[in-house]
Amino acid sequence: MSDSPADTEPAKTQPEDRGESTGLMEPMLVSESGPRRAGLADLAVDLAARSAGFRRSLPDGVLRALSQLVRAMNCYYSNLIEGHDTHPIDIERAMEGDYSADPEKRDLQLEARAHITVQAWIDEGGLDGRAVTSDGLLDVHRRFCELLPDELLWVENPDTGDRLRVEPGELRGSDVAVGRHLAVSPGAVPRFLARFEQAYGRLGRVDSLIAAAAAHHRLLWIHPFLDGNGRVARLMSYAMLRETLDTGGVWSIARGLARNEAEYKQHLAACDGPRRGDLDGRGTLSEEALASFAGFFLRTCIDQVTFMEELVQPERLRARIQLWAEEEMRIGTLPPKSGAVLDAVLYRGELPRGDVQGLLDTSERNARRVTSALIEKGVVTSDSTRAPLRLAFPAALASRWMPGLFPEKRGE
């Protein structure tokens, strides 16, 4: 814990509830009679079809490897929106326990590791059926924050300069302002979260996809936590999309939001605004702004599915992997015929170790040599010394194998 005299623990007194009506954040959904509703439904149906088609096109082994790389990508872009630039190569190192000697970089690596750990828990079904519940949101915040280094658990009050400690899994106990938006009083947060859960739970598939955008903004509007709201909102959106579409975790909204950060934040700010007249829904906030954000959100999702689908088209992906393997074999960092093993793993999804010798028409000793070299390079993986070989997508090779997934790492 910081020893600064300005550091303070959050007050343990009962947070003030100024009695705000939950109607202040209505409408929660884009009304079915609204002029934008039909277009949003079309986008939702298009997204569902594209996401399902992409997932079905991937062998199980490739799907598993890609989902692990996407966790690092999702973490990178979500943290980048918060101003924390930790490259996926450094994230991958953190997952292997290799941390920077620089305390600030190490803290950001630990933050990234926390994010990936929570997303892995979501991918394993830990948030199924609970993504929009108060219990689920508190669980996400707790799991993320309890893995953070202490220095990242303090936020500064811009008015007083005091630093307040963020308690994992606890709602804020003080007022907060985000831009021009003054969030509801801290004591009112549980009431607003109850309305949030009521509005976004138990929706049909199309409604759930449109609601993923609406819920994203409304959670940020409530601003339930002292810090970490952006990460929790994006993880919630990821979980909602994963569960509704059975995405397999092979694409992420976070990359699209980060690449269009200015537009993303403009939409969020617009959604904070009041109703714009008699033709703008019946709530306190602007339904037109909410519908516009939902359109942006769904189009961004579709763009990311399309990007990932094009990136892993079998023949293009195979060509990039084989070109890399040929170069490695030419300079002697991979044994001859290593590319044939990668080819087999790519097409089959996984390859029993015992098949390598026959595939290469070589000795058992040489087959083990090729297998070991590929594992050491990080391009294939296995759950045990006898388990089948599966493809891996190391972050260090992403610029070669998966160009455009994230920026190349800058020199230290």
Protein backbone atom coordinates (compact mmCIF):
# COMPACT_ATOMS: atom_id res chain seq x y z
CA MET A 1 0.00 0.00 0.00
CA SER A 2 1.21 3.47 -0.80
CA ASP A 3 2.51 5.44 2.21
CA SER A 4 1.55 8.82 0.78
CA PRO A 5 -0.28 10.93 3.37
CA ALA A 6 -2.91 11.77 0.75
CA ASP A 7 -3.83 8.10 0.31
CA THR A 8 -7.10 7.18 1.93
CA GLU A 9 -9.17 4.07 2.25
CA PRO A 10 -12.75 4.48 0.91
CA ALA A 11 -15.22 5.52 3.55
CA LYS A 12 -17.00 2.64 5.30
CA THR A 13 -20.10 4.69 6.03
CA GLN A 14 -23.34 3.97 4.21
CA PRO A 15 -23.06 5.57 0.74
CA GLU A 16 -25.51 8.41 0.13
CA ASP A 17 -28.56 7.65 -2.02
CA ARG A 18 -30.07 10.89 -3.28
CA GLY A 19 -33.17 9.07 -4.46
CA GLU A 20 -32.65 9.41 -8.22
CA SER A 21 -35.26 7.63 -10.29
CA THR A 22 -33.99 4.75 -12.43
CA GLY A 23 -36.02 6.43 -15.19
CA LEU A 24 -33.02 8.74 -15.61
CA MET A 25 -31.27 6.07 -17.70
CA GLU A 26 -34.28 5.15 -19.85
CA PRO A 27 -34.66 4.00 -22.55
CA MET A 28 -32.75 0.81 -21.84
CA LEU A 29 -33.50 -0.64 -25.28
CA VAL A 30 -34.18 0.71 -28.74
CA SER A 31 -37.96 0.50 -29.07
CA GLU A 32 -39.42 -1.87 -31.64
CA SER A 33 -41.37 1.02 -33.14
CA GLY A 34 -38.29 3.21 -33.45
CA PRO A 35 -37.17 4.23 -36.96
CA ARG A 36 -33.75 2.57 -36.53
CA ARG A 37 -34.99 -0.72 -35.10
CA ALA A 38 -35.42 -2.63 -38.38
CA GLY A 39 -31.92 -1.68 -39.53
CA LEU A 40 -30.43 -2.79 -36.22
CA ALA A 41 -32.27 -6.11 -36.46
CA ASP A 42 -30.80 -6.64 -39.94
CA LEU A 43 -27.30 -5.94 -38.60
CA ALA A 44 -27.87 -8.37 -35.72
CA VAL A 45 -29.00 -11.14 -38.08
CA ASP A 46 -26.02 -10.47 -40.38
CA LEU A 47 -23.61 -10.60 -37.43
CA ALA A 48 -25.08 -13.88 -36.19
CA ALA A 49 -24.76 -15.50 -39.61
CA ARG A 50 -21.20 -14.27 -40.21
CA SER A 51 -20.00 -15.25 -36.73
CA ALA A 52 -21.51 -18.75 -36.98
CA GLY A 53 -20.06 -19.29 -40.46
CA PHE A 54 -16.60 -18.22 -39.35
CA ARG A 55 -16.62 -20.47 -36.29
CA ARG A 56 -17.77 -23.49 -38.30
CA SER A 57 -14.97 -22.94 -40.83
CA LEU A 58 -12.24 -23.53 -38.24
CA PRO A 59 -10.90 -26.97 -37.21
CA ASP A 60 -11.11 -27.45 -33.43
CA GLY A 61 -7.34 -27.27 -33.01
CA VAL A 62 -7.08 -24.01 -34.92
CA LEU A 63 -10.10 -22.58 -33.08
CA ARG A 64 -8.46 -23.31 -29.73
CA ALA A 65 -5.13 -21.78 -30.74
CA LEU A 66 -6.77 -18.72 -32.27
CA SER A 67 -8.93 -18.09 -29.21
CA GLN A 68 -5.82 -17.99 -27.02
CA LEU A 69 -4.18 -15.42 -29.30
CA VAL A 70 -7.41 -13.39 -29.39
CA ARG A 71 -7.36 -13.22 -25.58
CA ALA A 72 -4.01 -11.41 -25.79
CA MET A 73 -5.34 -9.22 -28.60
CA ASN A 74 -8.52 -8.40 -26.67
CA CYS A 75 -6.49 -7.56 -23.58
CA TYR A 76 -4.10 -5.37 -25.58
CA TYR A 77 -6.81 -3.30 -27.23
CA SER A 78 -9.03 -3.01 -24.15
CA ASN A 79 -6.12 -1.75 -22.06
CA LEU A 80 -4.98 0.52 -24.92
CA ILE A 81 -8.33 2.32 -24.72
CA GLU A 82 -7.45 3.05 -21.08
CA GLY A 83 -4.07 4.46 -22.13
CA HIS A 84 -2.08 1.37 -21.11
CA ASP A 85 0.08 0.09 -23.99
CA THR A 86 1.32 -3.43 -23.20
CA HIS A 87 2.20 -5.28 -26.40
CA PRO A 88 0.94 -8.87 -26.81
CA ILE A 89 4.53 -10.12 -26.89
CA ASP A 90 5.01 -8.67 -23.39
CA ILE A 91 1.60 -10.04 -22.42
CA GLU A 92 2.67 -13.50 -23.60
CA ARG A 93 5.87 -13.18 -21.57
CA ALA A 94 3.84 -12.26 -18.50
CA MET A 95 1.70 -15.38 -18.94
CA GLU A 96 4.94 -17.37 -18.82
CA GLY A 97 6.13 -15.51 -15.69
CA ASP A 98 8.71 -13.42 -17.56
CA TYR A 99 8.33 -9.87 -16.24
CA SER A 100 10.15 -6.64 -17.04
CA ALA A 101 12.67 -5.28 -14.54
CA ASP A 102 11.01 -1.88 -14.99
CA PRO A 103 8.38 -1.59 -12.18
CA GLU A 104 5.89 0.33 -14.35
CA LYS A 105 6.13 -2.15 -17.24
CA ARG A 106 5.90 -5.05 -14.78
CA ASP A 107 2.71 -3.57 -13.29
CA LEU A 108 1.18 -3.29 -16.77
CA GLN A 109 2.17 -6.88 -17.51
CA LEU A 110 0.44 -7.97 -14.30
CA GLU A 111 -2.61 -5.94 -15.34
CA ALA A 112 -2.63 -7.71 -18.71
CA ARG A 113 -2.27 -11.09 -17.05
CA ALA A 114 -5.25 -10.28 -14.83
CA HIS A 115 -7.36 -9.37 -17.88
CA ILE A 116 -6.47 -12.59 -19.71
CA THR A 117 -7.13 -14.68 -16.60
CA VAL A 118 -10.62 -13.21 -16.32
CA GLN A 119 -11.33 -13.68 -20.02
CA ALA A 120 -10.17 -17.31 -19.81
CA TRP A 121 -12.62 -17.77 -16.92
CA ILE A 122 -15.37 -16.26 -19.10
CA ASP A 123 -14.40 -18.57 -21.98
CA GLU A 124 -14.73 -21.54 -19.63
CA GLY A 125 -18.33 -20.51 -18.89
CA GLY A 126 -17.72 -18.73 -15.59
CA LEU A 127 -20.08 -15.88 -16.48
CA ASP A 128 -22.68 -17.84 -18.44
CA GLY A 129 -26.15 -16.53 -17.65
CA ARG A 130 -24.73 -13.83 -15.35
CA ALA A 131 -23.14 -11.27 -17.68
CA VAL A 132 -25.68 -8.54 -16.91
CA THR A 133 -26.38 -9.45 -13.28
CA SER A 134 -25.07 -7.45 -10.34
CA ASP A 135 -23.46 -10.62 -9.02
CA GLY A 136 -21.72 -11.31 -12.32
CA LEU A 137 -20.43 -7.76 -12.75
CA LEU A 138 -19.09 -7.68 -9.20
CA ASP A 139 -17.44 -11.04 -9.84
CA VAL A 140 -15.69 -9.75 -12.97
CA HIS A 141 -14.46 -6.64 -11.14
CA ARG A 142 -13.28 -8.66 -8.14
CA ARG A 143 -11.44 -11.25 -10.23
CA PHE A 144 -9.73 -8.56 -12.28
CA CYS A 145 -8.78 -6.20 -9.48
CA GLU A 146 -7.62 -8.79 -6.96
CA LEU A 147 -4.87 -9.78 -9.44
CA LEU A 148 -3.64 -6.20 -9.94
CA PRO A 149 -0.51 -4.84 -8.29
CA ASP A 150 -1.35 -2.47 -5.45
CA GLU A 151 -0.18 0.65 -7.29
CA LEU A 152 -2.88 0.11 -9.93
CA LEU A 153 -5.59 -0.01 -7.29
CA TRP A 154 -5.39 3.71 -6.48
CA VAL A 155 -7.21 6.53 -8.26
CA GLU A 156 -6.76 10.24 -7.76
CA ASN A 157 -9.58 12.66 -7.01
CA PRO A 158 -8.99 15.43 -9.59
CA ASP A 159 -10.55 18.04 -7.30
CA THR A 160 -8.68 17.31 -4.06
CA GLY A 161 -5.61 15.38 -5.19
CA ASP A 162 -6.44 12.65 -2.67
CA ARG A 163 -5.86 9.06 -3.76
CA LEU A 164 -8.62 6.55 -3.11
CA ARG A 165 -8.14 2.80 -3.05
CA VAL A 166 -10.23 0.62 -5.36
CA GLU A 167 -11.62 -2.37 -3.50
CA PRO A 168 -11.99 -5.47 -5.71
CA GLY A 169 -15.62 -6.40 -6.24
CA GLU A 170 -17.01 -3.46 -4.27
CA LEU A 171 -19.26 -0.70 -5.58
CA ARG A 172 -18.00 2.86 -5.33
CA GLY A 173 -18.73 4.81 -2.18
CA SER A 174 -18.29 8.29 -3.58
CA ASP A 175 -19.52 10.50 -6.41
CA VAL A 176 -17.74 10.40 -9.78
CA ALA A 177 -17.89 12.51 -12.92
CA VAL A 178 -16.93 11.23 -16.39
CA GLY A 179 -16.53 14.12 -18.77
CA ARG A 180 -19.74 16.15 -18.47
CA HIS A 181 -21.66 13.23 -16.99
CA LEU A 182 -22.14 13.14 -13.22
CA ALA A 183 -22.94 9.54 -12.36
CA VAL A 184 -25.75 8.66 -9.96
CA SER A 185 -25.14 8.90 -6.24
CA PRO A 186 -23.17 5.94 -4.84
CA GLY A 187 -26.03 4.70 -2.69
CA ALA A 188 -28.29 4.56 -5.75
CA VAL A 189 -25.97 2.26 -7.71
CA PRO A 190 -27.53 -1.02 -6.44
CA ARG A 191 -31.00 0.17 -7.51
CA PHE A 192 -29.76 1.11 -10.97
CA LEU A 193 -27.94 -2.21 -11.35
CA ALA A 194 -31.15 -4.01 -10.43
CA ARG A 195 -32.97 -2.16 -13.22
CA PHE A 196 -30.02 -2.91 -15.54
CA GLU A 197 -30.33 -6.64 -14.84
CA GLN A 198 -34.09 -6.53 -15.29
CA ALA A 199 -33.79 -4.80 -18.67
CA TYR A 200 -31.05 -6.92 -20.22
CA GLY A 201 -31.71 -10.39 -18.86
CA ARG A 202 -33.84 -12.99 -20.67
CA LEU A 203 -33.93 -11.39 -24.10
CA GLY A 204 -34.25 -13.15 -27.45
CA ARG A 205 -31.24 -13.55 -29.71
CA VAL A 206 -31.72 -10.46 -31.89
CA ASP A 207 -32.70 -8.34 -28.90
CA SER A 208 -29.65 -9.61 -26.98
CA LEU A 209 -27.29 -8.51 -29.74
CA ILE A 210 -28.79 -5.02 -29.91
CA ALA A 211 -28.85 -4.96 -26.10
CA ALA A 212 -25.11 -5.75 -25.97
CA ALA A 213 -24.51 -2.24 -27.27
CA ALA A 214 -27.15 -0.58 -25.10
CA ALA A 215 -25.93 -2.37 -21.97
CA HIS A 216 -22.35 -1.35 -22.76
CA HIS A 217 -23.25 2.32 -22.53
CA ARG A 218 -25.71 2.07 -19.67
CA LEU A 219 -23.18 0.27 -17.46
CA LEU A 220 -20.66 3.03 -18.10
CA TRP A 221 -23.41 5.58 -17.41
CA ILE A 222 -24.07 4.00 -13.99
CA HIS A 223 -20.29 3.82 -13.42
CA PRO A 224 -20.67 1.32 -10.56
CA PHE A 225 -17.00 1.07 -9.59
CA LEU A 226 -14.42 3.58 -8.49
CA ASP A 227 -12.20 2.36 -11.35
CA GLY A 228 -12.16 -0.46 -13.88
CA ASN A 229 -15.58 0.32 -15.40
CA GLY A 230 -14.30 0.34 -18.99
CA ARG A 231 -12.63 -3.04 -18.69
CA VAL A 232 -15.66 -4.54 -16.94
CA ALA A 233 -18.01 -3.15 -19.63
CA ARG A 234 -15.91 -4.56 -22.47
CA LEU A 235 -15.56 -7.95 -20.76
CA MET A 236 -19.33 -7.93 -20.19
CA SER A 237 -19.92 -7.17 -23.87
CA TYR A 238 -17.48 -9.92 -24.84
CA ALA A 239 -19.35 -12.37 -22.59
CA MET A 240 -22.76 -11.35 -23.95
CA LEU A 241 -21.61 -11.79 -27.56
CA ARG A 242 -19.81 -15.04 -26.77
CA GLU A 243 -22.87 -16.55 -25.13
CA THR A 244 -25.44 -15.28 -27.63
CA LEU A 245 -23.42 -16.19 -30.73
CA ASP A 246 -21.26 -19.06 -29.41
CA THR A 247 -18.28 -17.22 -30.90
CA GLY A 248 -15.64 -19.60 -29.60
CA GLY A 249 -13.66 -16.51 -28.61
CA VAL A 250 -12.11 -16.16 -32.08
CA TRP A 251 -12.95 -12.50 -32.62
CA SER A 252 -13.27 -9.50 -30.35
CA ILE A 253 -15.14 -6.21 -30.30
CA ALA A 254 -12.26 -4.56 -28.37
CA ARG A 255 -9.98 -4.37 -31.41
CA GLY A 256 -12.64 -2.54 -33.40
CA LEU A 257 -13.42 -0.13 -30.58
CA ALA A 258 -9.75 0.71 -30.07
CA ARG A 259 -9.16 1.24 -33.78
CA ASN A 260 -12.12 3.64 -33.83
CA GLU A 261 -11.54 5.04 -30.35
CA ALA A 262 -12.51 8.64 -31.11
CA GLU A 263 -15.82 7.60 -32.70
CA TYR A 264 -16.43 5.11 -29.89
CA LYS A 265 -16.02 7.77 -27.23
CA GLN A 266 -18.08 10.30 -29.21
CA HIS A 267 -20.95 7.81 -29.32
CA LEU A 268 -20.68 7.15 -25.58
CA ALA A 269 -20.76 10.88 -24.84
CA ALA A 270 -23.75 11.36 -27.15
CA CYS A 271 -25.62 8.57 -25.35
CA ASP A 272 -25.21 10.55 -22.10
CA GLY A 273 -27.29 13.32 -23.64
CA PRO A 274 -30.98 14.04 -23.03
CA ARG A 275 -33.89 13.28 -25.31
CA ARG A 276 -33.82 15.52 -28.39
CA GLY A 277 -37.50 16.28 -28.75
CA ASP A 278 -40.86 14.58 -29.21
CA LEU A 279 -39.61 12.26 -31.96
CA ASP A 280 -36.68 10.94 -29.90
CA GLY A 281 -38.30 8.13 -27.95
CA ARG A 282 -40.04 8.39 -24.61
CA GLY A 283 -37.17 8.16 -22.14
CA THR A 284 -35.01 10.70 -20.36
CA LEU A 285 -31.95 9.98 -22.51
CA SER A 286 -31.74 10.13 -26.30
CA GLU A 287 -32.99 6.96 -28.00
CA GLU A 288 -31.62 8.25 -31.29
CA ALA A 289 -28.12 8.41 -29.79
CA LEU A 290 -28.51 4.92 -28.31
CA ALA A 291 -29.66 3.52 -31.66
CA SER A 292 -26.75 5.23 -33.42
CA PHE A 293 -24.28 3.68 -30.97
CA ALA A 294 -25.92 0.26 -31.39
CA GLY A 295 -25.45 0.55 -35.16
CA PHE A 296 -21.81 1.52 -34.72
CA PHE A 297 -21.29 -1.33 -32.25
CA LEU A 298 -22.87 -4.01 -34.48
CA ARG A 299 -21.07 -2.80 -37.62
CA THR A 300 -17.82 -2.88 -35.68
CA CYS A 301 -18.53 -6.48 -34.66
CA ILE A 302 -19.24 -7.46 -38.27
CA ASP A 303 -16.04 -5.73 -39.40
CA GLN A 304 -14.01 -7.71 -36.85
CA VAL A 305 -15.55 -11.04 -37.84
CA THR A 306 -14.81 -10.26 -41.50
CA PHE A 307 -11.24 -9.22 -40.68
CA MET A 308 -10.53 -12.42 -38.73
CA GLU A 309 -12.21 -14.60 -41.35
CA GLU A 310 -10.04 -13.14 -44.12
CA LEU A 311 -6.95 -13.39 -41.95
CA VAL A 312 -7.29 -17.14 -41.36
CA GLN A 313 -8.54 -18.21 -44.78
CA PRO A 314 -6.96 -21.68 -45.02
CA GLU A 315 -4.87 -21.19 -48.16
CA ARG A 316 -3.65 -17.71 -47.19
CA LEU A 317 -2.82 -18.78 -43.65
CA ARG A 318 -1.09 -21.91 -44.93
CA ALA A 319 0.97 -19.87 -47.40
CA ARG A 320 2.16 -17.49 -44.67
CA ILE A 321 3.03 -20.32 -42.28
CA GLN A 322 4.83 -22.33 -44.98
CA LEU A 323 6.83 -19.29 -46.11
CA TRP A 324 7.96 -18.74 -42.52
CA ALA A 325 8.82 -22.45 -42.09
CA GLU A 326 10.81 -22.52 -45.32
CA GLU A 327 12.87 -19.55 -44.17
CA GLU A 328 13.50 -21.15 -40.77
CA MET A 329 14.54 -24.44 -42.37
CA ARG A 330 16.79 -22.62 -44.83
CA ILE A 331 18.74 -20.89 -42.05
CA GLY A 332 18.82 -24.04 -39.92
CA THR A 333 16.62 -22.97 -37.01
CA LEU A 334 14.10 -25.70 -37.89
CA PRO A 335 14.95 -29.23 -39.08
CA PRO A 336 14.07 -30.24 -42.65
CA LYS A 337 10.45 -31.33 -43.25
CA SER A 338 9.19 -29.31 -40.27
CA GLY A 339 6.77 -27.55 -42.60
CA ALA A 340 5.03 -30.85 -43.36
CA VAL A 341 4.18 -31.27 -39.68
CA LEU A 342 2.79 -27.73 -39.48
CA ASP A 343 0.77 -28.40 -42.61
CA ALA A 344 -0.75 -31.56 -41.14
CA VAL A 345 -1.56 -29.86 -37.83
CA LEU A 346 -3.17 -26.94 -39.63
CA TYR A 347 -5.47 -29.12 -41.72
CA ARG A 348 -6.29 -31.79 -39.17
CA GLY A 349 -6.54 -29.55 -36.15
CA GLU A 350 -4.28 -31.87 -34.18
CA LEU A 351 -1.72 -34.54 -34.98
CA PRO A 352 -0.93 -37.61 -32.82
CA ARG A 353 2.78 -37.68 -32.04
CA GLY A 354 3.01 -41.23 -33.28
CA ASP A 355 1.95 -40.07 -36.77
CA VAL A 356 4.93 -37.75 -37.22
CA GLN A 357 7.38 -40.53 -38.11
CA GLY A 358 5.17 -41.93 -40.87
CA LEU A 359 4.24 -38.48 -42.13
CA LEU A 360 7.90 -37.56 -42.60
CA ASP A 361 9.01 -41.06 -43.61
CA THR A 362 11.94 -40.75 -41.25
CA SER A 363 13.41 -42.33 -38.14
CA GLU A 364 11.71 -42.12 -34.77
CA ARG A 365 14.66 -40.11 -33.47
CA ASN A 366 14.38 -37.53 -36.24
CA ALA A 367 10.61 -37.34 -35.79
CA ARG A 368 11.16 -36.48 -32.12
CA ARG A 369 13.76 -33.90 -33.14
CA VAL A 370 11.32 -32.15 -35.48
CA THR A 371 8.55 -32.24 -32.88
CA SER A 372 10.81 -30.82 -30.17
CA ALA A 373 12.03 -28.01 -32.44
CA LEU A 374 8.48 -26.96 -33.33
CA ILE A 375 7.44 -26.99 -29.67
CA GLU A 376 10.52 -24.97 -28.70
CA LYS A 377 9.62 -22.40 -31.37
CA GLY A 378 6.18 -22.13 -29.80
CA VAL A 379 4.35 -22.91 -33.05
CA VAL A 380 2.89 -26.21 -31.87
CA THR A 381 1.84 -27.19 -28.40
CA SER A 382 0.73 -30.28 -26.54
CA ASP A 383 -0.95 -30.96 -23.20
CA SER A 384 1.61 -33.67 -22.33
CA THR A 385 4.52 -35.61 -23.80
CA ARG A 386 2.06 -38.13 -25.23
CA ALA A 387 -0.82 -35.84 -26.17
CA PRO A 388 -1.45 -34.81 -29.81
CA LEU A 389 0.25 -31.79 -31.30
CA ARG A 390 -1.87 -28.68 -31.86
CA LEU A 391 -1.17 -25.44 -33.66
CA ALA A 392 -0.18 -22.39 -31.63
CA PHE A 393 -0.12 -18.73 -32.65
CA PRO A 394 2.77 -17.11 -30.73
CA ALA A 395 2.48 -13.36 -30.44
CA ALA A 396 6.09 -12.97 -31.62
CA LEU A 397 5.10 -14.39 -35.01
CA ALA A 398 1.77 -12.59 -35.35
CA SER A 399 3.21 -10.02 -37.77
CA ARG A 400 4.17 -12.90 -40.11
CA TRP A 401 1.32 -15.31 -39.59
CA MET A 402 -1.51 -12.91 -38.72
CA PRO A 403 -0.56 -9.50 -40.20
CA GLY A 404 -2.64 -6.58 -38.96
CA LEU A 405 -3.89 -8.31 -35.84
CA PHE A 406 -2.00 -5.81 -33.73
CA PRO A 407 0.91 -3.38 -34.31
CA GLU A 408 4.44 -4.71 -34.46
CA LYS A 409 6.35 -4.34 -31.23
CA ARG A 410 8.47 -1.21 -31.12
CA GLY A 411 12.11 -1.42 -30.11
CA GLU A 412 12.88 -1.22 -26.37
